Amino acid sequence: MILHAETVESIFGYWPEFSDGRIEFFSFERPGIICLRISYIDSNIQKAAVVSLRFSGVTDLDLSELRSENIVDVLSISSESPTVVTIEGCYGLCGTFKCNAAEVAGVVPNHSFKADGFAAA
């Protein structure tokens, strides 16, 4: 279960896999906390947002390929306990880890998004 998932679902109407999402921020802090901020666009429904995720109680960390630009193919968060998080990367960061808790730490909708990729004037 992802705490506060409804804040993301209220924008997109579903929980996304963050396909083609750009990882804007990544941090690993002791004692086992990972924070991700992903800029995600669903051009089919013309919705966009920056989603901040926080994972605590992180174990079995196996991540690689962190680069200056990181694009997600699929970000999956299992419903079992402990939670298994898998980042399949198009480019850059990829791998897996387990955690005790996953939560949406913040969501900032981009209301100026247009399907052609340009912001409204």
C-alpha atoms as a PDB file:
ATOM      1  CA  MET A   1       0.000   0.000   0.000  1.00  0.00           C
ATOM      2  CA  ILE A   2       1.244   3.472  -0.873  1.00  0.00           C
ATOM      3  CA  LEU A   3       0.273   6.087   1.694  1.00  0.00           C
ATOM      4  CA  HIS A   4      -1.438   9.119   0.100  1.00  0.00           C
ATOM      5  CA  ALA A   5      -1.637   7.391  -3.320  1.00  0.00           C
ATOM      6  CA  GLU A   6      -5.033   9.043  -3.783  1.00  0.00           C
ATOM      7  CA  THR A   7      -3.310  12.420  -4.306  1.00  0.00           C
ATOM      8  CA  VAL A   8      -1.699  11.062  -7.486  1.00  0.00           C
ATOM      9  CA  GLU A   9      -4.781   9.088  -8.534  1.00  0.00           C
ATOM     10  CA  SER A  10      -6.925  12.229  -8.233  1.00  0.00           C
ATOM     11  CA  ILE A  11      -4.835  13.895 -10.952  1.00  0.00           C
ATOM     12  CA  PHE A  12      -4.374  11.012 -13.385  1.00  0.00           C
ATOM     13  CA  GLY A  13      -7.382   8.843 -12.515  1.00  0.00           C
ATOM     14  CA  TYR A  14      -5.076   5.865 -11.854  1.00  0.00           C
ATOM     15  CA  TRP A  15      -1.729   4.988 -10.266  1.00  0.00           C
ATOM     16  CA  PRO A  16       0.855   5.411 -13.073  1.00  0.00           C
ATOM     17  CA  GLU A  17       3.899   3.300 -13.892  1.00  0.00           C
ATOM     18  CA  PHE A  18       5.679   6.622 -14.576  1.00  0.00           C
ATOM     19  CA  SER A  19       6.648   5.509 -18.109  1.00  0.00           C
ATOM     20  CA  ASP A  20       8.993   8.075 -19.674  1.00  0.00           C
ATOM     21  CA  GLY A  21       9.019   9.993 -16.388  1.00  0.00           C
ATOM     22  CA  ARG A  22      12.133  12.017 -15.645  1.00  0.00           C
ATOM     23  CA  ILE A  23      13.747  11.529 -12.244  1.00  0.00           C
ATOM     24  CA  GLU A  24      14.450  15.088 -11.100  1.00  0.00           C
ATOM     25  CA  PHE A  25      15.797  14.162  -7.668  1.00  0.00           C
ATOM     26  CA  PHE A  26      17.160  11.043  -5.986  1.00  0.00           C
ATOM     27  CA  SER A  27      18.526  10.707  -2.467  1.00  0.00           C
ATOM     28  CA  PHE A  28      19.483   7.916  -0.107  1.00  0.00           C
ATOM     29  CA  GLU A  29      19.637   8.917   3.537  1.00  0.00           C
ATOM     30  CA  ARG A  30      20.412   6.945   6.646  1.00  0.00           C
ATOM     31  CA  PRO A  31      18.694   5.060   8.220  1.00  0.00           C
ATOM     32  CA  GLY A  32      17.402   3.598   4.969  1.00  0.00           C
ATOM     33  CA  ILE A  33      15.301   6.323   3.365  1.00  0.00           C
ATOM     34  CA  ILE A  34      15.065   6.844  -0.402  1.00  0.00           C
ATOM     35  CA  CYS A  35      13.403   9.920  -1.878  1.00  0.00           C
ATOM     36  CA  LEU A  36      12.498  10.237  -5.562  1.00  0.00           C
ATOM     37  CA  ARG A  37      10.952  13.163  -7.391  1.00  0.00           C
ATOM     38  CA  ILE A  38       9.578  12.248 -10.821  1.00  0.00           C
ATOM     39  CA  SER A  39       8.207  14.559 -13.496  1.00  0.00           C
ATOM     40  CA  TYR A  40       5.497  12.554 -15.240  1.00  0.00           C
ATOM     41  CA  ILE A  41       3.282  13.344 -18.241  1.00  0.00           C
ATOM     42  CA  ASP A  42       0.344  11.341 -19.567  1.00  0.00           C
ATOM     43  CA  SER A  43      -0.178  12.929 -22.973  1.00  0.00           C
ATOM     44  CA  ASN A  44      -3.205  10.705 -23.693  1.00  0.00           C
ATOM     45  CA  ILE A  45      -5.231  12.465 -21.007  1.00  0.00           C
ATOM     46  CA  GLN A  46      -3.206  15.708 -21.118  1.00  0.00           C
ATOM     47  CA  LYS A  47      -2.183  15.599 -17.454  1.00  0.00           C
ATOM     48  CA  ALA A  48       1.212  16.228 -15.905  1.00  0.00           C
ATOM     49  CA  ALA A  49       2.624  16.450 -12.389  1.00  0.00           C
ATOM     50  CA  VAL A  50       5.783  16.253 -10.358  1.00  0.00           C
ATOM     51  CA  VAL A  51       5.409  13.412  -7.841  1.00  0.00           C
ATOM     52  CA  SER A  52       7.629  13.061  -4.771  1.00  0.00           C
ATOM     53  CA  LEU A  53       7.900   9.561  -3.304  1.00  0.00           C
ATOM     54  CA  ARG A  54       9.469   8.538   0.003  1.00  0.00           C
ATOM     55  CA  PHE A  55      10.466   4.980   0.885  1.00  0.00           C
ATOM     56  CA  SER A  56      11.500   4.113   4.453  1.00  0.00           C
ATOM     57  CA  GLY A  57      13.029   1.034   6.023  1.00  0.00           C
ATOM     58  CA  VAL A  58      14.990   0.370   2.822  1.00  0.00           C
ATOM     59  CA  THR A  59      16.913  -2.925   2.591  1.00  0.00           C
ATOM     60  CA  ASP A  60      18.372  -5.122  -0.160  1.00  0.00           C
ATOM     61  CA  LEU A  61      19.335  -2.060  -2.186  1.00  0.00           C
ATOM     62  CA  ASP A  62      20.533  -2.907  -5.709  1.00  0.00           C
ATOM     63  CA  LEU A  63      20.508   0.258  -7.829  1.00  0.00           C
ATOM     64  CA  SER A  64      22.874   1.255 -10.623  1.00  0.00           C
ATOM     65  CA  GLU A  65      23.407   3.576 -13.565  1.00  0.00           C
ATOM     66  CA  LEU A  66      22.572   6.856 -11.769  1.00  0.00           C
ATOM     67  CA  ARG A  67      23.361   9.596 -14.286  1.00  0.00           C
ATOM     68  CA  SER A  68      22.776  13.304 -14.711  1.00  0.00           C
ATOM     69  CA  GLU A  69      19.564  12.438 -16.589  1.00  0.00           C
ATOM     70  CA  ASN A  70      17.441   9.425 -15.617  1.00  0.00           C
ATOM     71  CA  ILE A  71      14.301   8.326 -17.481  1.00  0.00           C
ATOM     72  CA  VAL A  72      11.951   5.665 -16.103  1.00  0.00           C
ATOM     73  CA  ASP A  73      10.472   2.920 -18.258  1.00  0.00           C
ATOM     74  CA  VAL A  74       8.428   1.408 -15.407  1.00  0.00           C
ATOM     75  CA  LEU A  75       8.374   2.107 -11.671  1.00  0.00           C
ATOM     76  CA  SER A  76       6.565  -0.718  -9.888  1.00  0.00           C
ATOM     77  CA  ILE A  77       5.709  -0.846  -6.197  1.00  0.00           C
ATOM     78  CA  SER A  78       4.437  -4.201  -4.942  1.00  0.00           C
ATOM     79  CA  SER A  79       1.582  -4.598  -2.482  1.00  0.00           C
ATOM     80  CA  GLU A  80       3.289  -7.337  -0.443  1.00  0.00           C
ATOM     81  CA  SER A  81       5.235  -6.830   2.772  1.00  0.00           C
ATOM     82  CA  PRO A  82       8.029  -5.950   2.653  1.00  0.00           C
ATOM     83  CA  THR A  83       7.301  -3.773  -0.355  1.00  0.00           C
ATOM     84  CA  VAL A  84       9.474  -4.443  -3.410  1.00  0.00           C
ATOM     85  CA  VAL A  85      10.254  -1.416  -5.567  1.00  0.00           C
ATOM     86  CA  THR A  86      11.568  -1.972  -9.089  1.00  0.00           C
ATOM     87  CA  ILE A  87      12.842   0.807 -11.336  1.00  0.00           C
ATOM     88  CA  GLU A  88      13.191  -0.250 -14.959  1.00  0.00           C
ATOM     89  CA  GLY A  89      15.119   2.515 -16.647  1.00  0.00           C
ATOM     90  CA  CYS A  90      14.918   3.747 -20.217  1.00  0.00           C
ATOM     91  CA  TYR A  91      18.109   5.623 -19.457  1.00  0.00           C
ATOM     92  CA  GLY A  92      20.012   5.895 -16.217  1.00  0.00           C
ATOM     93  CA  LEU A  93      18.861   4.744 -12.790  1.00  0.00           C
ATOM     94  CA  CYS A  94      17.535   1.185 -12.542  1.00  0.00           C
ATOM     95  CA  GLY A  95      17.329  -1.633 -10.027  1.00  0.00           C
ATOM     96  CA  THR A  96      15.376  -2.832  -7.011  1.00  0.00           C
ATOM     97  CA  PHE A  97      15.055  -2.456  -3.268  1.00  0.00           C
ATOM     98  CA  LYS A  98      12.741  -3.503  -0.467  1.00  0.00           C
ATOM     99  CA  CYS A  99      11.136  -1.157   2.030  1.00  0.00           C
ATOM    100  CA  ASN A 100       8.757  -1.170   4.981  1.00  0.00           C
ATOM    101  CA  ALA A 101       6.735   1.843   3.817  1.00  0.00           C
ATOM    102  CA  ALA A 102       6.058   3.803   0.630  1.00  0.00           C
ATOM    103  CA  GLU A 103       4.340   7.167   0.559  1.00  0.00           C
ATOM    104  CA  VAL A 104       3.551  10.083  -1.698  1.00  0.00           C
ATOM    105  CA  ALA A 105       5.416  12.958  -0.042  1.00  0.00           C
ATOM    106  CA  GLY A 106       4.031  15.580  -2.429  1.00  0.00           C
ATOM    107  CA  VAL A 107       2.368  16.195  -5.774  1.00  0.00           C
ATOM    108  CA  VAL A 108       2.524  19.365  -7.859  1.00  0.00           C
ATOM    109  CA  PRO A 109       0.181  19.290 -10.873  1.00  0.00           C
ATOM    110  CA  ASN A 110       1.286  21.041 -14.064  1.00  0.00           C
ATOM    111  CA  HIS A 111      -1.932  22.646 -15.295  1.00  0.00           C
ATOM    112  CA  SER A 112      -0.175  24.383 -18.187  1.00  0.00           C
ATOM    113  CA  PHE A 113       0.728  21.110 -19.960  1.00  0.00           C
ATOM    114  CA  LYS A 114      -0.469  20.781 -23.562  1.00  0.00           C
ATOM    115  CA  ALA A 115      -0.346  17.593 -25.665  1.00  0.00           C
ATOM    116  CA  ASP A 116       2.130  19.178 -28.092  1.00  0.00           C
ATOM    117  CA  GLY A 117       4.618  19.406 -25.219  1.00  0.00           C
ATOM    118  CA  PHE A 118       4.517  23.182 -24.912  1.00  0.00           C
ATOM    119  CA  ALA A 119       3.226  25.049 -21.905  1.00  0.00           C
ATOM    120  CA  ALA A 120       0.195  27.273 -22.313  1.00  0.00           C
ATOM    121  CA  ALA A 121       0.973  30.969 -22.640  1.00  0.00           C
END
